[in-house]
C-alpha atoms as a PDB file:
ATOM      1  CA  MET A   1     207.518-106.460   7.814  1.00  0.00           C
ATOM      2  CA  PRO A   2     210.598-106.739  10.119  1.00  0.00           C
ATOM      3  CA  VAL A   3     210.267-106.065  13.766  1.00  0.00           C
ATOM      4  CA  VAL A   4     212.445-103.123  14.934  1.00  0.00           C
ATOM      5  CA  GLN A   5     213.598-103.105  18.508  1.00  0.00           C
ATOM      6  CA  VAL A   6     213.408 -99.688  19.797  1.00  0.00           C
ATOM      7  CA  PRO A   7     215.317 -98.812  23.291  1.00  0.00           C
ATOM      8  CA  PRO A   8     213.063 -97.461  25.866  1.00  0.00           C
ATOM      9  CA  LEU A   9     212.952 -93.517  26.511  1.00  0.00           C
ATOM     10  CA  PRO A  10     214.776 -92.291  29.581  1.00  0.00           C
ATOM     11  CA  PRO A  11     212.549 -91.276  32.452  1.00  0.00           C
ATOM     12  CA  SER A  12     211.321 -87.535  32.181  1.00  0.00           C
ATOM     13  CA  PRO A  13     212.799 -84.976  34.577  1.00  0.00           C
ATOM     14  CA  ALA A  14     209.239 -84.453  35.984  1.00  0.00           C
ATOM     15  CA  ARG A  15     208.861 -87.933  36.814  1.00  0.00           C
ATOM     16  CA  LEU A  16     212.405 -88.433  38.233  1.00  0.00           C
ATOM     17  CA  LEU A  17     211.610 -85.383  40.460  1.00  0.00           C
ATOM     18  CA  SER A  18     208.225 -86.407  41.507  1.00  0.00           C
ATOM     19  CA  GLY A  19     209.567 -89.289  43.318  1.00  0.00           C
ATOM     20  CA  PRO A  20     211.883 -89.826  46.212  1.00  0.00           C
ATOM     21  CA  LEU A  21     215.526 -88.777  45.156  1.00  0.00           C
ATOM     22  CA  PRO A  22     217.566 -91.987  44.363  1.00  0.00           C
ATOM     23  CA  THR A  23     219.891 -93.692  47.066  1.00  0.00           C
ATOM     24  CA  PHE A  24     223.483 -94.210  46.286  1.00  0.00           C
ATOM     25  CA  ALA A  25     226.239 -96.378  47.941  1.00  0.00           C
ATOM     26  CA  SER A  26     227.784 -93.001  48.354  1.00  0.00           C
ATOM     27  CA  THR A  27     227.373 -90.820  51.359  1.00  0.00           C
ATOM     28  CA  ALA A  28     228.223 -87.675  49.486  1.00  0.00           C
ATOM     29  CA  PRO A  29     225.745 -84.779  49.683  1.00  0.00           C
ATOM     30  CA  VAL A  30     223.232 -84.189  47.049  1.00  0.00           C
ATOM     31  CA  VAL A  31     222.486 -80.929  45.525  1.00  0.00           C
ATOM     32  CA  ASP A  32     219.919 -80.132  42.984  1.00  0.00           C
ATOM     33  CA  SER A  33     221.129 -78.259  39.778  1.00  0.00           C
ATOM     34  CA  ARG A  34     218.820 -76.062  40.078  1.00  0.00           C
ATOM     35  CA  GLN A  35     220.123 -74.623  43.475  1.00  0.00           C
ATOM     36  CA  LEU A  36     223.747 -74.249  41.873  1.00  0.00           C
ATOM     37  CA  LEU A  37     222.455 -72.476  38.803  1.00  0.00           C
ATOM     38  CA  ARG A  38     219.470 -70.341  40.203  1.00  0.00           C
ATOM     39  CA  GLY A  39     217.947 -69.800  36.786  1.00  0.00           C
ATOM     40  CA  ALA A  40     221.046 -69.202  35.197  1.00  0.00           C
ATOM     41  CA  ARG A  41     222.285 -71.182  32.037  1.00  0.00           C
ATOM     42  CA  GLU A  42     226.252 -70.956  33.312  1.00  0.00           C
ATOM     43  CA  ILE A  43     227.997 -70.291  36.451  1.00  0.00           C
ATOM     44  CA  GLU A  44     231.491 -69.958  37.754  1.00  0.00           C
ATOM     45  CA  ILE A  45     232.866 -72.327  40.263  1.00  0.00           C
ATOM     46  CA  VAL A  46     236.038 -71.369  41.882  1.00  0.00           C
ATOM     47  CA  HIS A  47     238.295 -74.411  43.225  1.00  0.00           C
ATOM     48  CA  GLY A  48     241.443 -73.129  44.821  1.00  0.00           C
ATOM     49  CA  ASP A  49     243.229 -70.962  42.240  1.00  0.00           C
ATOM     50  CA  LYS A  50     241.130 -72.435  39.510  1.00  0.00           C
ATOM     51  CA  VAL A  51     237.964 -71.246  37.875  1.00  0.00           C
ATOM     52  CA  TYR A  52     235.653 -73.682  36.399  1.00  0.00           C
ATOM     53  CA  ARG A  53     232.373 -73.005  34.341  1.00  0.00           C
ATOM     54  CA  LEU A  54     229.231 -75.175  34.812  1.00  0.00           C
ATOM     55  CA  ARG A  55     226.908 -74.778  31.796  1.00  0.00           C
ATOM     56  CA  HIS A  56     223.364 -76.184  31.416  1.00  0.00           C
ATOM     57  CA  THR A  57     223.029 -77.013  27.675  1.00  0.00           C
ATOM     58  CA  ARG A  58     219.877 -76.996  25.468  1.00  0.00           C
ATOM     59  CA  ASN A  59     219.895 -80.697  25.296  1.00  0.00           C
ATOM     60  CA  ASP A  60     219.246 -80.395  29.305  1.00  0.00           C
ATOM     61  CA  LYS A  61     222.936 -81.596  29.833  1.00  0.00           C
ATOM     62  CA  LEU A  62     225.668 -80.084  32.397  1.00  0.00           C
ATOM     63  CA  ILE A  63     229.097 -79.631  31.069  1.00  0.00           C
ATOM     64  CA  LEU A  64     231.840 -78.784  33.535  1.00  0.00           C
ATOM     65  CA  VAL A  65     235.143 -76.932  31.709  1.00  0.00           C
ATOM     66  CA  LYS A  66     238.033 -75.474  33.250  1.00  0.00           C
END
């Protein structure tokens, strides 16, 4: 029987949040998406004269659209 290589699963969100926040080369501020969304699935972000929508999908992804 042939051996099938299966890629490893990504770390679970619980495991990611249980440890220290990852460090990045950038000094940009870190904001937890839960602070932005506050339980909502979608929020509007005003940037200048434009309005963007930040959506949290069922697949646990974030999508930003104009």
